[in-house]
Amino acid sequence: MLTKIFIVLSGVTLLVVPFHAQQATPITGTITAIEGNHLEIKDEAGKPVIVMLDKNTRYVKSDKAATKSELKVGTVVVIDVKMDDKMKMFAAKEVTIRTAGTGKR
């Protein structure tokens, strides 16, 4: 009986770990540079973070679809990122552009 419980728990762990690894992590900051398909932001701790953008990156502003062209230096953004293991950099899944003066996404 104990062996069956161990096998079930092991199987659940194997399913949860890869799923968790694919989850996006939000980073909030101010855009300090835009170069091609990379953004540099200063995060809330004041540290620079470089984020890759690609054709699958979604852009949102005021709960509506936006475009990459709406990104400007000085804009506050919340970026859902995941680590690109191949490039060893953050890759943006979604960039939420905060509207000026409201502090809202």
Protein backbone atom coordinates (compact mmCIF):
# COMPACT_ATOMS: atom_id res chain seq x y z
CA MET A 1 0.00 0.00 0.00
CA LEU A 2 2.81 2.39 0.91
CA THR A 3 4.48 1.64 -2.42
CA LYS A 4 1.33 2.58 -4.34
CA ILE A 5 1.08 5.91 -2.47
CA PHE A 6 4.73 6.65 -3.23
CA ILE A 7 4.23 5.90 -6.94
CA VAL A 8 1.15 8.16 -7.14
CA LEU A 9 2.92 11.03 -5.34
CA SER A 10 5.97 10.63 -7.57
CA GLY A 11 3.79 10.83 -10.67
CA VAL A 12 2.05 13.98 -9.43
CA THR A 13 5.43 15.59 -8.71
CA LEU A 14 6.68 14.79 -12.20
CA LEU A 15 3.61 16.48 -13.69
CA VAL A 16 3.70 19.58 -11.49
CA VAL A 17 7.40 20.48 -11.78
CA PRO A 18 7.47 20.97 -15.60
CA PHE A 19 4.16 22.87 -15.47
CA HIS A 20 5.51 25.21 -12.80
CA ALA A 21 8.71 25.77 -14.78
CA GLN A 22 6.67 27.10 -17.73
CA GLN A 23 4.80 29.68 -15.63
CA ALA A 24 5.51 33.33 -16.34
CA THR A 25 6.95 35.62 -13.67
CA PRO A 26 5.92 39.29 -13.65
CA ILE A 27 8.57 42.02 -13.63
CA THR A 28 7.51 45.64 -13.14
CA GLY A 29 9.75 48.49 -14.23
CA THR A 30 10.38 51.52 -16.39
CA ILE A 31 11.70 51.15 -19.92
CA THR A 32 15.20 52.65 -20.15
CA ALA A 33 16.13 51.44 -23.66
CA ILE A 34 14.58 49.78 -26.69
CA GLU A 35 16.98 48.09 -29.11
CA GLY A 36 15.55 45.86 -31.82
CA ASN A 37 13.87 42.93 -30.11
CA HIS A 38 15.20 43.73 -26.65
CA LEU A 39 13.92 45.98 -23.90
CA GLU A 40 15.96 47.18 -20.98
CA ILE A 41 13.95 48.12 -17.95
CA LYS A 42 14.88 49.36 -14.50
CA ASP A 43 12.96 47.11 -12.13
CA GLU A 44 11.35 48.22 -8.86
CA ALA A 45 14.61 47.52 -7.01
CA GLY A 46 16.48 49.83 -9.42
CA LYS A 47 18.30 46.99 -11.18
CA PRO A 48 18.55 46.83 -14.99
CA VAL A 49 16.81 43.86 -16.62
CA ILE A 50 17.05 42.93 -20.30
CA VAL A 51 14.00 41.22 -21.81
CA MET A 52 13.73 39.63 -25.26
CA LEU A 53 10.65 40.29 -27.39
CA ASP A 54 9.55 37.97 -30.18
CA LYS A 55 6.67 37.39 -32.58
CA ASN A 56 4.69 35.61 -29.85
CA THR A 57 4.92 38.44 -27.33
CA ARG A 58 1.50 39.96 -26.60
CA TYR A 59 1.06 43.66 -25.80
CA VAL A 60 -1.78 45.02 -23.65
CA LYS A 61 -2.80 48.55 -22.65
CA SER A 62 -5.92 49.38 -20.64
CA ASP A 63 -7.12 45.76 -20.98
CA LYS A 64 -7.04 46.03 -24.79
CA ALA A 65 -4.61 44.75 -27.39
CA ALA A 66 -1.68 47.08 -28.05
CA THR A 67 1.37 47.02 -30.31
CA LYS A 68 5.11 47.04 -29.82
CA SER A 69 5.23 50.54 -31.33
CA GLU A 70 3.47 51.85 -28.19
CA LEU A 71 6.54 51.05 -26.09
CA LYS A 72 8.56 54.17 -25.31
CA VAL A 73 11.50 54.96 -23.05
CA GLY A 74 10.09 56.12 -19.72
CA THR A 75 6.95 53.98 -19.93
CA VAL A 76 6.13 51.80 -16.92
CA VAL A 77 5.42 48.19 -17.88
CA VAL A 78 4.60 44.88 -16.26
CA ILE A 79 6.21 42.08 -18.25
CA ASP A 80 5.32 38.43 -17.79
CA VAL A 81 8.60 36.67 -18.50
CA LYS A 82 10.02 33.19 -18.52
CA MET A 83 13.66 32.24 -18.66
CA ASP A 84 14.83 31.23 -22.12
CA ASP A 85 17.24 28.44 -21.19
CA LYS A 86 18.90 28.49 -24.61
CA MET A 87 19.66 32.23 -24.57
CA LYS A 88 19.97 32.53 -20.76
CA MET A 89 17.76 35.63 -20.90
CA PHE A 90 14.22 36.56 -19.98
CA ALA A 91 11.70 36.19 -22.82
CA ALA A 92 8.53 38.29 -22.68
CA LYS A 93 5.24 36.44 -22.94
CA GLU A 94 3.10 39.54 -22.34
CA VAL A 95 3.92 43.22 -21.91
CA THR A 96 1.30 45.28 -20.10
CA ILE A 97 1.73 49.01 -20.67
CA ARG A 98 0.61 51.05 -17.68
CA THR A 99 -1.40 54.13 -18.49
CA ALA A 100 0.11 57.45 -17.45
CA GLY A 101 -0.92 58.92 -14.14
CA THR A 102 -3.08 56.03 -12.98
CA GLY A 103 -0.52 53.44 -11.95
CA LYS A 104 -2.92 50.85 -13.37
CA ARG A 105 -2.18 48.21 -15.92
